[in-house]
């Protein structure tokens, strides 16, 4: 999950210090170092990555991801994820 592009993925905020964000779901339309822009039924919402837990569905499987693990620039996060995966395999 860390080595993926999140744009286009369906996500749901399942834990947040801001109770108004819990249950927010939709498709990621943009990502920055610190935020995800999520297209919801009520428009685009910007959600911080840190201190949140996201649930993501890929190929019918659901994953819970701690937002602190993805709080990097997308290209840096993808490289870190690939490096971690190669260490696990090797």
Protein backbone atom coordinates (compact mmCIF):
# COMPACT_ATOMS: atom_id res chain seq x y z
CA UNK A 1 0.00 0.00 0.00
CA UNK A 2 2.84 2.39 0.72
CA UNK A 3 4.31 1.91 -2.74
CA UNK A 4 1.05 2.64 -4.59
CA UNK A 5 -0.33 5.74 -6.18
CA UNK A 6 -3.41 6.63 -4.11
CA UNK A 7 -5.08 8.81 -6.75
CA UNK A 8 -8.19 7.00 -7.95
CA UNK A 9 -8.51 4.78 -4.88
CA UNK A 10 -11.65 4.68 -2.78
CA UNK A 11 -10.92 5.60 0.84
CA UNK A 12 -12.78 6.07 4.10
CA UNK A 13 -11.58 7.90 7.21
CA UNK A 14 -12.11 5.42 10.07
CA UNK A 15 -10.28 7.29 12.86
CA UNK A 16 -9.41 10.95 13.28
CA UNK A 17 -8.94 13.50 16.06
CA UNK A 18 -11.63 15.48 14.18
CA UNK A 19 -14.84 13.49 14.76
CA UNK A 20 -16.43 15.23 11.77
CA UNK A 21 -14.02 13.41 9.43
CA UNK A 22 -14.84 9.90 10.66
CA UNK A 23 -16.94 8.12 8.05
CA UNK A 24 -15.91 10.52 5.26
CA UNK A 25 -15.46 8.46 2.13
CA UNK A 26 -14.92 8.86 -1.56
CA UNK A 27 -12.22 8.74 -4.22
CA UNK A 28 -8.77 10.28 -3.83
CA UNK A 29 -8.42 12.94 -6.54
CA UNK A 30 -5.14 14.51 -5.39
CA UNK A 31 -2.44 13.97 -2.82
CA UNK A 32 0.17 16.25 -1.26
CA UNK A 33 2.80 15.61 1.37
CA UNK A 34 0.36 16.21 4.22
CA UNK A 35 -3.13 15.83 2.74
CA UNK A 36 -5.50 13.76 0.63
CA UNK A 37 -8.16 15.46 -1.49
CA UNK A 38 -11.18 13.18 -1.49
CA UNK A 39 -14.12 13.55 -3.89
CA UNK A 40 -17.21 12.83 -1.77
CA UNK A 41 -20.92 13.02 -2.48
CA UNK A 42 -20.82 16.55 -1.02
CA UNK A 43 -17.79 17.76 -3.00
CA UNK A 44 -14.02 17.65 -2.56
CA UNK A 45 -12.80 17.46 1.04
CA UNK A 46 -9.18 17.94 2.13
CA UNK A 47 -8.10 15.61 4.92
CA UNK A 48 -4.77 15.62 6.72
CA UNK A 49 -2.87 12.32 6.58
CA UNK A 50 -1.25 12.42 10.00
CA UNK A 51 -3.16 11.20 13.04
CA UNK A 52 -5.81 9.58 10.83
CA UNK A 53 -6.54 5.97 9.92
CA UNK A 54 -7.80 5.27 6.41
CA UNK A 55 -9.52 2.21 5.03
CA UNK A 56 -8.71 1.54 1.39
CA UNK A 57 -10.23 -1.06 -0.92
CA UNK A 58 -8.11 -2.62 -3.64
CA UNK A 59 -9.19 -5.58 -5.75
CA UNK A 60 -11.96 -6.42 -3.29
CA UNK A 61 -9.66 -6.40 -0.26
CA UNK A 62 -9.85 -3.75 2.47
CA UNK A 63 -6.74 -2.41 4.17
CA UNK A 64 -6.42 -0.10 7.19
CA UNK A 65 -3.54 2.31 6.84
CA UNK A 66 -2.18 4.62 9.52
CA UNK A 67 -1.95 8.04 7.87
CA UNK A 68 1.38 8.74 9.59
CA UNK A 69 2.91 6.02 7.36
CA UNK A 70 1.88 7.86 4.20
CA UNK A 71 2.60 11.43 5.35
CA UNK A 72 5.30 12.02 2.74
CA UNK A 73 5.33 13.45 -0.74
CA UNK A 74 3.73 10.80 -2.97
CA UNK A 75 6.95 10.14 -4.90
CA UNK A 76 8.96 9.79 -1.66
CA UNK A 77 6.34 7.49 -0.13
CA UNK A 78 6.35 5.26 -3.21
CA UNK A 79 10.18 5.02 -3.15
CA UNK A 80 10.18 4.23 0.60
CA UNK A 81 7.53 1.57 0.06
CA UNK A 82 9.52 -0.03 -2.75
CA UNK A 83 12.68 -0.02 -0.62
CA UNK A 84 10.81 -1.62 2.30
CA UNK A 85 9.33 -4.27 0.00
CA UNK A 86 12.76 -5.14 -1.42
CA UNK A 87 14.18 -5.53 2.12
CA UNK A 88 11.35 -7.90 3.05
CA UNK A 89 11.88 -10.01 -0.09
CA UNK A 90 15.66 -9.97 0.13
